[in-house]
Amino acid sequence: MEKELSFEEAMQKLEKIADELEKDNLDLDTSVKKFEEGMKLSQKCNQMLKEAEKKITILIDGEEKDFTLETGE
């Protein structure tokens, strides 16, 4: 079972794949596989960012409600 990658690990792998694809010394089949892997990593990173954004929004909204309650008294 493969461990869950952190955002930073996924980004490092994505950068490595981009570097490999830019070198232009891969055969077509390998290039397509690397591109597919890169797309999956990109989607994973985007999902992680969306989840982090949701958490931050919830925290900010909670802080604003607390602030409103405190000043309303």
Protein backbone atom coordinates (compact mmCIF):
# COMPACT_ATOMS: atom_id res chain seq x y z
CA MET A 1 0.00 0.00 0.00
CA GLU A 2 1.42 3.35 -1.09
CA LYS A 3 1.57 6.09 1.54
CA GLU A 4 -0.34 9.29 1.00
CA LEU A 5 1.89 11.98 -0.49
CA SER A 6 2.09 15.37 1.15
CA PHE A 7 1.51 18.43 -1.01
CA GLU A 8 5.24 19.17 -1.00
CA GLU A 9 6.15 15.60 -2.03
CA ALA A 10 3.58 15.65 -4.84
CA MET A 11 4.93 18.99 -6.09
CA GLN A 12 8.50 17.65 -6.07
CA LYS A 13 7.44 14.62 -8.09
CA LEU A 14 5.54 16.87 -10.49
CA GLU A 15 8.60 19.08 -10.98
CA LYS A 16 10.77 16.01 -11.63
CA ILE A 17 8.32 14.77 -14.26
CA ALA A 18 8.24 18.19 -15.92
CA ASP A 19 12.05 18.24 -16.05
CA GLU A 20 12.11 14.75 -17.59
CA LEU A 21 9.55 15.73 -20.23
CA GLU A 22 11.44 18.94 -21.08
CA LYS A 23 14.66 17.02 -21.78
CA ASP A 24 12.96 15.54 -24.83
CA ASN A 25 14.96 12.29 -24.73
CA LEU A 26 12.06 10.00 -23.79
CA ASP A 27 10.29 7.75 -26.24
CA LEU A 28 6.64 8.49 -26.99
CA ASP A 29 5.22 5.75 -24.76
CA THR A 30 7.30 6.85 -21.77
CA SER A 31 6.43 10.50 -22.42
CA VAL A 32 2.70 9.70 -22.43
CA LYS A 33 3.01 7.71 -19.19
CA LYS A 34 4.97 10.54 -17.53
CA PHE A 35 2.42 13.08 -18.76
CA GLU A 36 -0.44 10.97 -17.37
CA GLU A 37 1.34 10.64 -14.01
CA GLY A 38 1.93 14.40 -13.99
CA MET A 39 -1.73 15.12 -14.68
CA LYS A 40 -2.78 12.87 -11.78
CA LEU A 41 -0.32 14.61 -9.46
CA SER A 42 -1.53 18.01 -10.65
CA GLN A 43 -5.13 17.06 -9.90
CA LYS A 44 -4.10 15.77 -6.48
CA CYS A 45 -2.29 19.03 -5.68
CA ASN A 46 -5.31 21.07 -6.82
CA GLN A 47 -7.59 18.98 -4.60
CA MET A 48 -5.28 19.47 -1.61
CA LEU A 49 -5.26 23.22 -2.20
CA LYS A 50 -9.07 23.31 -2.42
CA GLU A 51 -9.36 21.38 0.85
CA ALA A 52 -6.91 23.72 2.56
CA GLU A 53 -8.84 26.72 1.24
CA LYS A 54 -12.09 25.29 2.64
CA LYS A 55 -10.49 24.77 6.06
CA ILE A 56 -9.11 28.31 6.08
CA THR A 57 -12.50 29.72 5.07
CA ILE A 58 -14.19 27.80 7.88
CA LEU A 59 -11.61 29.05 10.38
CA ILE A 60 -11.93 32.65 9.18
CA ASP A 61 -15.73 32.48 9.23
CA GLY A 62 -15.61 31.08 12.76
CA GLU A 63 -13.29 33.88 13.88
CA GLU A 64 -15.57 36.51 12.35
CA LYS A 65 -18.60 35.04 14.16
CA ASP A 66 -16.69 34.99 17.44
CA PHE A 67 -15.63 38.58 16.87
CA THR A 68 -19.18 39.64 16.06
CA LEU A 69 -20.53 37.95 19.19
CA GLU A 70 -17.89 39.56 21.38
CA THR A 71 -18.46 43.07 20.02
CA GLY A 72 -22.24 42.73 20.00
CA GLU A 73 -22.43 42.39 23.78
